[in-house]
Amino acid sequence: MPVLKAIAVLLLMQLAGEALVKVTGLPFPGSLIGLLLLFAALAYRGGVPKGLRDTSGHLLQHLLLLFIPPVAGIMMYFDRIAREWLPFLAACIGGAALTVMVTAFVFQWALRRFYKETEA
């Protein structure tokens, strides 16, 4: 699977997720639904094609570049953030703490599940 085809698959899955959210009114981001659709398609297929794996690996290596637009957006609303800094700070700290906790639980679950499989 060439790189262009892999990127097209990623974008089409995101578009499908956005469309599904728009049609059904689900209270989730379209990109999350697209990611779940991609996961379901890859699970049904039984694996990840090499081109998609390579392209995704390159995208993940440069993941920090994806934070530039949100930071620019935050700087556009710097006046409002300065006025309402406490809720903003609470949301940032709460979101980070929740992310760490969920990651720890998923990691522990994965260790228990996959460690048992390798022992048996």
C-alpha atoms as a PDB file:
ATOM      1  CA  MET A   1       0.000   0.000   0.000  1.00  0.00           C
ATOM      2  CA  PRO A   2       1.740   3.192  -1.099  1.00  0.00           C
ATOM      3  CA  VAL A   3       1.899   6.203   1.169  1.00  0.00           C
ATOM      4  CA  LEU A   4      -0.730   8.175  -0.734  1.00  0.00           C
ATOM      5  CA  LYS A   5      -3.208   5.302  -0.507  1.00  0.00           C
ATOM      6  CA  ALA A   6      -2.525   4.931   3.238  1.00  0.00           C
ATOM      7  CA  ILE A   7      -3.123   8.637   3.848  1.00  0.00           C
ATOM      8  CA  ALA A   8      -6.292   8.434   1.759  1.00  0.00           C
ATOM      9  CA  VAL A   9      -7.526   5.525   3.914  1.00  0.00           C
ATOM     10  CA  LEU A  10      -6.846   7.507   7.097  1.00  0.00           C
ATOM     11  CA  LEU A  11      -8.633  10.588   5.771  1.00  0.00           C
ATOM     12  CA  LEU A  12     -11.577   8.584   4.431  1.00  0.00           C
ATOM     13  CA  MET A  13     -12.056   6.878   7.790  1.00  0.00           C
ATOM     14  CA  GLN A  14     -12.037  10.269   9.501  1.00  0.00           C
ATOM     15  CA  LEU A  15     -14.524  11.578   6.931  1.00  0.00           C
ATOM     16  CA  ALA A  16     -16.757   8.538   7.484  1.00  0.00           C
ATOM     17  CA  GLY A  17     -16.637   9.173  11.226  1.00  0.00           C
ATOM     18  CA  GLU A  18     -17.518  12.844  10.775  1.00  0.00           C
ATOM     19  CA  ALA A  19     -20.410  11.922   8.481  1.00  0.00           C
ATOM     20  CA  LEU A  20     -21.688   9.288  10.908  1.00  0.00           C
ATOM     21  CA  VAL A  21     -21.642  11.795  13.775  1.00  0.00           C
ATOM     22  CA  LYS A  22     -23.427  14.371  11.645  1.00  0.00           C
ATOM     23  CA  VAL A  23     -26.138  11.913  10.545  1.00  0.00           C
ATOM     24  CA  THR A  24     -26.729  10.228  13.913  1.00  0.00           C
ATOM     25  CA  GLY A  25     -26.043  13.156  16.234  1.00  0.00           C
ATOM     26  CA  LEU A  26     -23.677  11.101  18.399  1.00  0.00           C
ATOM     27  CA  PRO A  27     -22.022  13.177  21.149  1.00  0.00           C
ATOM     28  CA  PHE A  28     -18.504  12.117  20.121  1.00  0.00           C
ATOM     29  CA  PRO A  29     -15.873  13.704  17.891  1.00  0.00           C
ATOM     30  CA  GLY A  30     -16.039  12.443  14.326  1.00  0.00           C
ATOM     31  CA  SER A  31     -12.336  11.663  14.333  1.00  0.00           C
ATOM     32  CA  LEU A  32     -12.839   9.289  17.283  1.00  0.00           C
ATOM     33  CA  ILE A  33     -15.635   7.482  15.455  1.00  0.00           C
ATOM     34  CA  GLY A  34     -13.408   7.326  12.370  1.00  0.00           C
ATOM     35  CA  LEU A  35     -10.622   5.815  14.460  1.00  0.00           C
ATOM     36  CA  LEU A  36     -13.029   3.192  15.790  1.00  0.00           C
ATOM     37  CA  LEU A  37     -14.163   2.436  12.228  1.00  0.00           C
ATOM     38  CA  LEU A  38     -10.527   2.037  11.179  1.00  0.00           C
ATOM     39  CA  PHE A  39      -9.906  -0.270  14.145  1.00  0.00           C
ATOM     40  CA  ALA A  40     -12.953  -2.375  13.226  1.00  0.00           C
ATOM     41  CA  ALA A  41     -11.853  -2.605   9.591  1.00  0.00           C
ATOM     42  CA  LEU A  42      -8.324  -3.642  10.570  1.00  0.00           C
ATOM     43  CA  ALA A  43      -9.636  -6.164  13.108  1.00  0.00           C
ATOM     44  CA  TYR A  44     -11.909  -7.630  10.433  1.00  0.00           C
ATOM     45  CA  ARG A  45      -8.984  -7.737   7.997  1.00  0.00           C
ATOM     46  CA  GLY A  46      -6.812  -9.430  10.598  1.00  0.00           C
ATOM     47  CA  GLY A  47      -3.875  -7.031  10.551  1.00  0.00           C
ATOM     48  CA  VAL A  48      -2.420  -3.764   9.400  1.00  0.00           C
ATOM     49  CA  PRO A  49      -1.068  -3.499   5.838  1.00  0.00           C
ATOM     50  CA  LYS A  50       2.632  -2.670   5.666  1.00  0.00           C
ATOM     51  CA  GLY A  51       2.072   0.651   3.876  1.00  0.00           C
ATOM     52  CA  LEU A  52      -0.442   1.812   6.462  1.00  0.00           C
ATOM     53  CA  ARG A  53       1.874   0.732   9.291  1.00  0.00           C
ATOM     54  CA  ASP A  54       4.836   2.585   7.763  1.00  0.00           C
ATOM     55  CA  THR A  55       2.830   5.735   7.029  1.00  0.00           C
ATOM     56  CA  SER A  56       1.301   5.760  10.499  1.00  0.00           C
ATOM     57  CA  GLY A  57       4.751   5.292  12.011  1.00  0.00           C
ATOM     58  CA  HIS A  58       6.054   8.344  10.170  1.00  0.00           C
ATOM     59  CA  LEU A  59       3.022  10.391  11.231  1.00  0.00           C
ATOM     60  CA  LEU A  60       3.509   9.353  14.856  1.00  0.00           C
ATOM     61  CA  GLN A  61       7.175  10.370  14.748  1.00  0.00           C
ATOM     62  CA  HIS A  62       6.072  13.916  13.922  1.00  0.00           C
ATOM     63  CA  LEU A  63       3.042  13.988  16.219  1.00  0.00           C
ATOM     64  CA  LEU A  64       4.193  17.148  17.992  1.00  0.00           C
ATOM     65  CA  LEU A  65       3.607  19.115  14.783  1.00  0.00           C
ATOM     66  CA  LEU A  66      -0.108  18.462  15.254  1.00  0.00           C
ATOM     67  CA  PHE A  67      -0.045  20.571  18.431  1.00  0.00           C
ATOM     68  CA  ILE A  68       0.888  23.763  16.560  1.00  0.00           C
ATOM     69  CA  PRO A  69      -2.691  24.663  15.427  1.00  0.00           C
ATOM     70  CA  PRO A  70      -4.216  24.241  18.920  1.00  0.00           C
ATOM     71  CA  VAL A  71      -1.468  26.367  20.458  1.00  0.00           C
ATOM     72  CA  ALA A  72      -2.049  29.043  17.822  1.00  0.00           C
ATOM     73  CA  GLY A  73      -5.782  28.865  18.611  1.00  0.00           C
ATOM     74  CA  ILE A  74      -5.097  29.272  22.314  1.00  0.00           C
ATOM     75  CA  MET A  75      -2.975  32.340  21.615  1.00  0.00           C
ATOM     76  CA  MET A  76      -5.863  33.867  19.630  1.00  0.00           C
ATOM     77  CA  TYR A  77      -8.025  33.696  22.753  1.00  0.00           C
ATOM     78  CA  PHE A  78      -5.316  34.721  25.206  1.00  0.00           C
ATOM     79  CA  ASP A  79      -7.435  37.639  26.550  1.00  0.00           C
ATOM     80  CA  ARG A  80     -10.293  35.313  27.448  1.00  0.00           C
ATOM     81  CA  ILE A  81      -7.949  32.731  28.969  1.00  0.00           C
ATOM     82  CA  ALA A  82      -6.371  35.497  31.050  1.00  0.00           C
ATOM     83  CA  ARG A  83      -9.841  36.438  32.357  1.00  0.00           C
ATOM     84  CA  GLU A  84     -10.956  32.828  32.923  1.00  0.00           C
ATOM     85  CA  TRP A  85      -7.652  31.215  33.839  1.00  0.00           C
ATOM     86  CA  LEU A  86      -8.923  29.109  36.742  1.00  0.00           C
ATOM     87  CA  PRO A  87     -11.413  26.945  34.743  1.00  0.00           C
ATOM     88  CA  PHE A  88      -8.847  26.661  31.951  1.00  0.00           C
ATOM     89  CA  LEU A  89      -6.156  25.506  34.372  1.00  0.00           C
ATOM     90  CA  ALA A  90      -8.569  23.091  36.085  1.00  0.00           C
ATOM     91  CA  ALA A  91      -9.565  21.596  32.728  1.00  0.00           C
ATOM     92  CA  CYS A  92      -5.916  21.165  31.714  1.00  0.00           C
ATOM     93  CA  ILE A  93      -4.881  19.542  34.987  1.00  0.00           C
ATOM     94  CA  GLY A  94      -8.048  17.419  35.190  1.00  0.00           C
ATOM     95  CA  GLY A  95      -7.690  16.265  31.591  1.00  0.00           C
ATOM     96  CA  ALA A  96      -4.046  15.353  32.090  1.00  0.00           C
ATOM     97  CA  ALA A  97      -4.810  13.474  35.325  1.00  0.00           C
ATOM     98  CA  LEU A  98      -7.680  11.581  33.714  1.00  0.00           C
ATOM     99  CA  THR A  99      -5.485  10.670  30.751  1.00  0.00           C
ATOM    100  CA  VAL A 100      -2.737   9.326  33.016  1.00  0.00           C
ATOM    101  CA  MET A 101      -5.228   7.282  35.066  1.00  0.00           C
ATOM    102  CA  VAL A 102      -6.924   5.739  32.034  1.00  0.00           C
ATOM    103  CA  THR A 103      -3.536   4.970  30.475  1.00  0.00           C
ATOM    104  CA  ALA A 104      -2.382   3.262  33.681  1.00  0.00           C
ATOM    105  CA  PHE A 105      -5.547   1.141  33.907  1.00  0.00           C
ATOM    106  CA  VAL A 106      -5.332   0.105  30.253  1.00  0.00           C
ATOM    107  CA  PHE A 107      -1.629  -0.709  30.658  1.00  0.00           C
ATOM    108  CA  GLN A 108      -2.312  -2.869  33.728  1.00  0.00           C
ATOM    109  CA  TRP A 109      -5.157  -4.628  31.930  1.00  0.00           C
ATOM    110  CA  ALA A 110      -2.965  -5.277  28.883  1.00  0.00           C
ATOM    111  CA  LEU A 111      -0.126  -6.606  31.033  1.00  0.00           C
ATOM    112  CA  ARG A 112      -2.431  -9.026  32.855  1.00  0.00           C
ATOM    113  CA  ARG A 113      -4.089 -10.199  29.669  1.00  0.00           C
ATOM    114  CA  PHE A 114      -1.044 -10.607  27.462  1.00  0.00           C
ATOM    115  CA  TYR A 115       1.286 -11.851  30.209  1.00  0.00           C
ATOM    116  CA  LYS A 116      -1.119 -14.737  30.872  1.00  0.00           C
ATOM    117  CA  GLU A 117      -1.201 -15.572  27.160  1.00  0.00           C
ATOM    118  CA  THR A 118       2.598 -15.776  26.929  1.00  0.00           C
ATOM    119  CA  GLU A 119       2.861 -18.014  30.010  1.00  0.00           C
ATOM    120  CA  ALA A 120       0.280 -20.538  28.792  1.00  0.00           C
END
